[in-house]
Amino acid sequence: MGEKGFTLLEVMIVIAIIVILVVLGFHLMYPAAVASRNELCIVNLKYIYGAKANFFMDNPSRRDEEPSWGDLVPFYLKKEPSCPSGGEYHIGGIRENPACTVRGHEI
């Protein structure tokens, strides 16, 4: 009568298959995660643009200045947005679009 259970070789093969599947999963999900962070950054820039436009409509005498985060938060934005890629946002003046320090994130 044979012994019941798994051999070391069988266990190692199963572990190797699991590792391969995990690596493939990360490899396939990484581009989607990067694209998602880029899109969220662009959405944040559009919110900043809208808040800045509302600020200048409400404060026409300040059109020559660049608003600060204190001017926009909490009146025009609920809170200061943070870049999902770790960059920082620059509000800009009336004739500038808001910008992110991460390259490629722009509206």
N, C-alpha and C. Protein backbone atom coordinates (compact mmCIF):
# COMPACT_ATOMS: atom_id res chain seq x y z
N MET A 1 0.85 -1.18 0.00
CA MET A 1 0.00 0.00 0.00
C MET A 1 0.89 1.23 0.00
N GLY A 2 0.63 2.19 -0.90
CA GLY A 2 1.47 3.37 -1.05
C GLY A 2 1.13 4.44 -0.02
N GLU A 3 2.09 5.33 0.19
CA GLU A 3 1.88 6.43 1.13
C GLU A 3 1.04 7.53 0.47
N LYS A 4 0.22 8.17 1.28
CA LYS A 4 -0.61 9.25 0.78
C LYS A 4 0.07 10.58 1.04
N GLY A 5 -0.14 11.55 0.16
CA GLY A 5 0.46 12.87 0.32
C GLY A 5 1.14 13.31 -0.97
N PHE A 6 1.76 14.48 -0.91
CA PHE A 6 2.40 15.05 -2.08
C PHE A 6 3.91 14.94 -1.93
N THR A 7 4.58 14.76 -3.04
CA THR A 7 6.04 14.74 -3.01
C THR A 7 6.53 16.19 -3.06
N LEU A 8 7.78 16.38 -2.72
CA LEU A 8 8.37 17.70 -2.76
C LEU A 8 8.34 18.27 -4.17
N LEU A 9 8.56 17.44 -5.17
CA LEU A 9 8.54 17.89 -6.56
C LEU A 9 7.17 18.41 -6.96
N GLU A 10 6.13 17.73 -6.56
CA GLU A 10 4.76 18.17 -6.88
C GLU A 10 4.44 19.52 -6.23
N VAL A 11 4.84 19.70 -5.00
CA VAL A 11 4.61 20.95 -4.29
C VAL A 11 5.38 22.09 -4.97
N MET A 12 6.62 21.83 -5.36
CA MET A 12 7.43 22.85 -6.02
C MET A 12 6.85 23.25 -7.37
N ILE A 13 6.29 22.29 -8.11
CA ILE A 13 5.66 22.60 -9.40
C ILE A 13 4.44 23.48 -9.20
N VAL A 14 3.64 23.19 -8.20
CA VAL A 14 2.45 24.00 -7.93
C VAL A 14 2.86 25.43 -7.53
N ILE A 15 3.88 25.55 -6.69
CA ILE A 15 4.35 26.87 -6.29
C ILE A 15 4.89 27.64 -7.50
N ALA A 16 5.63 26.96 -8.37
CA ALA A 16 6.16 27.62 -9.57
C ALA A 16 5.04 28.12 -10.47
N ILE A 17 3.98 27.34 -10.62
CA ILE A 17 2.84 27.76 -11.44
C ILE A 17 2.17 29.00 -10.82
N ILE A 18 2.02 29.00 -9.50
CA ILE A 18 1.40 30.14 -8.83
C ILE A 18 2.25 31.39 -9.01
N VAL A 19 3.57 31.25 -8.87
CA VAL A 19 4.46 32.40 -9.04
C VAL A 19 4.37 32.95 -10.46
N ILE A 20 4.33 32.08 -11.45
CA ILE A 20 4.21 32.51 -12.85
C ILE A 20 2.91 33.27 -13.07
N LEU A 21 1.81 32.78 -12.51
CA LEU A 21 0.52 33.46 -12.66
C LEU A 21 0.52 34.83 -11.98
N VAL A 22 1.14 34.92 -10.81
CA VAL A 22 1.21 36.21 -10.10
C VAL A 22 2.04 37.21 -10.90
N VAL A 23 3.18 36.77 -11.42
CA VAL A 23 4.04 37.66 -12.20
C VAL A 23 3.32 38.13 -13.46
N LEU A 24 2.62 37.25 -14.13
CA LEU A 24 1.86 37.65 -15.32
C LEU A 24 0.74 38.63 -14.96
N GLY A 25 0.11 38.40 -13.83
CA GLY A 25 -0.95 39.31 -13.39
C GLY A 25 -0.43 40.71 -13.15
N PHE A 26 0.70 40.83 -12.45
CA PHE A 26 1.29 42.14 -12.23
C PHE A 26 1.74 42.78 -13.53
N HIS A 27 2.29 41.98 -14.41
CA HIS A 27 2.77 42.50 -15.69
C HIS A 27 1.61 43.05 -16.52
N LEU A 28 0.46 42.40 -16.45
CA LEU A 28 -0.69 42.86 -17.22
C LEU A 28 -1.41 44.03 -16.56
N MET A 29 -1.35 44.13 -15.23
CA MET A 29 -2.08 45.18 -14.53
C MET A 29 -1.30 46.49 -14.43
N TYR A 30 0.02 46.46 -14.53
CA TYR A 30 0.82 47.67 -14.35
C TYR A 30 0.47 48.76 -15.35
N PRO A 31 0.38 48.49 -16.66
CA PRO A 31 0.03 49.57 -17.60
C PRO A 31 -1.34 50.18 -17.30
N ALA A 32 -2.28 49.37 -16.86
CA ALA A 32 -3.60 49.89 -16.52
C ALA A 32 -3.53 50.81 -15.31
N ALA A 33 -2.70 50.47 -14.34
CA ALA A 33 -2.56 51.31 -13.15
C ALA A 33 -1.91 52.64 -13.51
N VAL A 34 -0.91 52.63 -14.37
CA VAL A 34 -0.26 53.87 -14.80
C VAL A 34 -1.24 54.75 -15.56
N ALA A 35 -1.99 54.16 -16.47
CA ALA A 35 -2.98 54.93 -17.24
C ALA A 35 -4.04 55.52 -16.31
N SER A 36 -4.44 54.78 -15.31
CA SER A 36 -5.43 55.27 -14.36
C SER A 36 -4.91 56.46 -13.57
N ARG A 37 -3.65 56.39 -13.12
CA ARG A 37 -3.06 57.52 -12.40
C ARG A 37 -2.96 58.75 -13.30
N ASN A 38 -2.60 58.55 -14.56
CA ASN A 38 -2.51 59.68 -15.49
C ASN A 38 -3.87 60.34 -15.69
N GLU A 39 -4.90 59.54 -15.87
CA GLU A 39 -6.25 60.08 -16.08
C GLU A 39 -6.74 60.83 -14.84
N LEU A 40 -6.46 60.28 -13.66
CA LEU A 40 -6.90 60.95 -12.43
C LEU A 40 -6.19 62.28 -12.26
N CYS A 41 -4.92 62.35 -12.64
CA CYS A 41 -4.19 63.61 -12.56
C CYS A 41 -4.80 64.65 -13.50
N ILE A 42 -5.16 64.24 -14.69
CA ILE A 42 -5.77 65.17 -15.65
C ILE A 42 -7.13 65.64 -15.15
N VAL A 43 -7.90 64.75 -14.53
CA VAL A 43 -9.18 65.15 -13.95
C VAL A 43 -8.96 66.18 -12.84
N ASN A 44 -7.94 65.95 -11.99
CA ASN A 44 -7.64 66.93 -10.94
C ASN A 44 -7.27 68.29 -11.54
N LEU A 45 -6.50 68.29 -12.62
CA LEU A 45 -6.13 69.55 -13.26
C LEU A 45 -7.36 70.28 -13.80
N LYS A 46 -8.31 69.54 -14.32
CA LYS A 46 -9.55 70.16 -14.81
C LYS A 46 -10.36 70.77 -13.67
N TYR A 47 -10.39 70.08 -12.51
CA TYR A 47 -11.08 70.64 -11.34
C TYR A 47 -10.40 71.93 -10.89
N ILE A 48 -9.07 71.93 -10.88
CA ILE A 48 -8.33 73.14 -10.49
C ILE A 48 -8.63 74.28 -11.47
N TYR A 49 -8.67 73.96 -12.76
CA TYR A 49 -8.97 74.96 -13.79
C TYR A 49 -10.35 75.59 -13.54
N GLY A 50 -11.35 74.75 -13.27
CA GLY A 50 -12.70 75.25 -13.01
C GLY A 50 -12.77 76.09 -11.74
N ALA A 51 -12.08 75.63 -10.70
CA ALA A 51 -12.09 76.39 -9.44
C ALA A 51 -11.41 77.74 -9.63
N LYS A 52 -10.31 77.75 -10.39
CA LYS A 52 -9.58 78.99 -10.65
C LYS A 52 -10.45 79.95 -11.47
N ALA A 53 -11.16 79.43 -12.45
CA ALA A 53 -12.03 80.28 -13.27
C ALA A 53 -13.13 80.91 -12.41
N ASN A 54 -13.72 80.11 -11.52
CA ASN A 54 -14.75 80.65 -10.62
C ASN A 54 -14.17 81.70 -9.68
N PHE A 55 -12.96 81.45 -9.20
CA PHE A 55 -12.30 82.42 -8.31
C PHE A 55 -12.13 83.76 -9.03
N PHE A 56 -11.66 83.74 -10.26
CA PHE A 56 -11.43 84.99 -10.99
C PHE A 56 -12.74 85.68 -11.36
N MET A 57 -13.81 84.93 -11.58
CA MET A 57 -15.11 85.56 -11.84
C MET A 57 -15.63 86.26 -10.59
N ASP A 58 -15.38 85.64 -9.43
CA ASP A 58 -15.84 86.25 -8.18
C ASP A 58 -14.92 87.36 -7.70
N ASN A 59 -13.68 87.39 -8.16
CA ASN A 59 -12.69 88.37 -7.71
C ASN A 59 -12.00 89.03 -8.91
N PRO A 60 -12.72 89.82 -9.69
CA PRO A 60 -12.12 90.40 -10.90
C PRO A 60 -10.96 91.34 -10.61
N SER A 61 -10.90 91.92 -9.43
CA SER A 61 -9.80 92.83 -9.11
C SER A 61 -8.48 92.10 -8.91
N ARG A 62 -8.51 90.78 -8.78
CA ARG A 62 -7.30 90.01 -8.54
C ARG A 62 -6.82 89.26 -9.79
N ARG A 63 -7.27 89.69 -10.96
CA ARG A 63 -6.93 88.98 -12.20
C ARG A 63 -5.44 89.00 -12.53
N ASP A 64 -4.69 89.92 -11.96
CA ASP A 64 -3.26 90.00 -12.25
C ASP A 64 -2.44 89.11 -11.30
N GLU A 65 -3.08 88.44 -10.37
CA GLU A 65 -2.39 87.61 -9.39
C GLU A 65 -2.58 86.13 -9.71
N GLU A 66 -1.74 85.33 -9.11
CA GLU A 66 -1.95 83.89 -9.15
C GLU A 66 -2.60 83.50 -7.83
N PRO A 67 -3.75 82.83 -7.87
CA PRO A 67 -4.39 82.46 -6.61
C PRO A 67 -3.57 81.41 -5.86
N SER A 68 -3.72 81.40 -4.56
CA SER A 68 -3.06 80.39 -3.73
C SER A 68 -4.08 79.30 -3.40
N TRP A 69 -3.58 78.22 -2.81
CA TRP A 69 -4.50 77.15 -2.41
C TRP A 69 -5.48 77.67 -1.36
N GLY A 70 -5.04 78.60 -0.53
CA GLY A 70 -5.94 79.18 0.47
C GLY A 70 -7.09 79.96 -0.16
N ASP A 71 -6.87 80.48 -1.38
CA ASP A 71 -7.94 81.18 -2.08
C ASP A 71 -8.97 80.20 -2.65
N LEU A 72 -8.52 79.01 -3.03
CA LEU A 72 -9.41 78.05 -3.69
C LEU A 72 -10.05 77.05 -2.73
N VAL A 73 -9.35 76.72 -1.66
CA VAL A 73 -9.85 75.71 -0.70
C VAL A 73 -10.31 76.44 0.54
N PRO A 74 -11.44 76.22 1.09
CA PRO A 74 -12.52 75.28 0.76
C PRO A 74 -13.65 75.92 -0.03
N PHE A 75 -13.43 77.13 -0.56
CA PHE A 75 -14.52 77.84 -1.23
C PHE A 75 -14.85 77.27 -2.62
N TYR A 76 -13.82 76.91 -3.36
CA TYR A 76 -14.03 76.43 -4.74
C TYR A 76 -13.65 74.97 -4.92
N LEU A 77 -12.82 74.46 -4.05
CA LEU A 77 -12.46 73.03 -4.01
C LEU A 77 -12.65 72.55 -2.58
N LYS A 78 -13.12 71.34 -2.44
CA LYS A 78 -13.33 70.79 -1.10
C LYS A 78 -12.03 70.67 -0.33
N LYS A 79 -10.97 70.19 -1.01
CA LYS A 79 -9.65 70.07 -0.42
C LYS A 79 -8.61 70.18 -1.53
N GLU A 80 -7.39 70.43 -1.15
CA GLU A 80 -6.32 70.53 -2.14
C GLU A 80 -6.07 69.15 -2.76
N PRO A 81 -6.17 69.05 -4.08
CA PRO A 81 -5.97 67.74 -4.71
C PRO A 81 -4.50 67.32 -4.65
N SER A 82 -4.29 66.01 -4.60
CA SER A 82 -2.92 65.49 -4.62
C SER A 82 -2.75 64.62 -5.85
N CYS A 83 -1.60 64.73 -6.47
CA CYS A 83 -1.31 63.97 -7.69
C CYS A 83 -1.11 62.51 -7.33
N PRO A 84 -1.80 61.60 -8.00
CA PRO A 84 -1.65 60.18 -7.70
C PRO A 84 -0.28 59.63 -8.09
N SER A 85 0.46 60.37 -8.90
CA SER A 85 1.81 59.93 -9.29
C SER A 85 2.89 60.58 -8.44
N GLY A 86 2.52 61.34 -7.44
CA GLY A 86 3.48 61.95 -6.54
C GLY A 86 3.96 63.33 -6.95
N GLY A 87 3.37 63.90 -7.97
CA GLY A 87 3.76 65.24 -8.40
C GLY A 87 3.08 66.31 -7.58
N GLU A 88 3.38 67.55 -7.93
CA GLU A 88 2.75 68.69 -7.27
C GLU A 88 2.04 69.54 -8.32
N TYR A 89 0.94 70.14 -7.91
CA TYR A 89 0.17 70.97 -8.83
C TYR A 89 0.56 72.43 -8.69
N HIS A 90 0.61 73.11 -9.83
CA HIS A 90 0.86 74.56 -9.90
C HIS A 90 -0.43 75.18 -10.45
N ILE A 91 -1.00 76.10 -9.71
CA ILE A 91 -2.30 76.68 -10.08
C ILE A 91 -2.18 77.55 -11.33
N GLY A 92 -1.22 78.45 -11.35
CA GLY A 92 -1.04 79.33 -12.50
C GLY A 92 -1.94 80.55 -12.44
N GLY A 93 -1.61 81.51 -13.27
CA GLY A 93 -2.38 82.75 -13.35
C GLY A 93 -3.59 82.60 -14.25
N ILE A 94 -4.21 83.73 -14.56
CA ILE A 94 -5.45 83.72 -15.33
C ILE A 94 -5.25 83.20 -16.76
N ARG A 95 -4.09 83.42 -17.33
CA ARG A 95 -3.84 83.00 -18.72
C ARG A 95 -3.08 81.68 -18.82
N GLU A 96 -2.87 81.01 -17.70
CA GLU A 96 -2.14 79.74 -17.68
C GLU A 96 -3.07 78.60 -17.30
N ASN A 97 -2.83 77.45 -17.88
CA ASN A 97 -3.51 76.25 -17.41
C ASN A 97 -2.80 75.74 -16.17
N PRO A 98 -3.52 75.12 -15.26
CA PRO A 98 -2.84 74.48 -14.13
C PRO A 98 -1.90 73.40 -14.66
N ALA A 99 -0.85 73.13 -13.91
CA ALA A 99 0.14 72.17 -14.37
C ALA A 99 0.54 71.22 -13.24
N CYS A 100 1.07 70.08 -13.63
CA CYS A 100 1.58 69.09 -12.69
C CYS A 100 3.07 68.93 -12.95
N THR A 101 3.83 68.66 -11.91
CA THR A 101 5.27 68.51 -12.08
C THR A 101 5.63 67.18 -12.73
N VAL A 102 4.69 66.24 -12.80
CA VAL A 102 4.95 64.96 -13.48
C VAL A 102 4.81 65.18 -14.97
N ARG A 103 5.81 64.80 -15.70
CA ARG A 103 5.83 65.02 -17.15
C ARG A 103 4.71 64.23 -17.84
N GLY A 104 4.04 64.88 -18.77
CA GLY A 104 2.97 64.23 -19.52
C GLY A 104 1.59 64.43 -18.95
N HIS A 105 1.50 65.02 -17.76
CA HIS A 105 0.19 65.30 -17.17
C HIS A 105 -0.15 66.75 -17.44
N GLU A 106 -1.01 66.96 -18.43
CA GLU A 106 -1.41 68.33 -18.75
C GLU A 106 -2.76 68.33 -19.42
N ILE A 107 -3.47 69.46 -19.29
CA ILE A 107 -4.77 69.57 -19.96
C ILE A 107 -4.64 70.48 -21.14
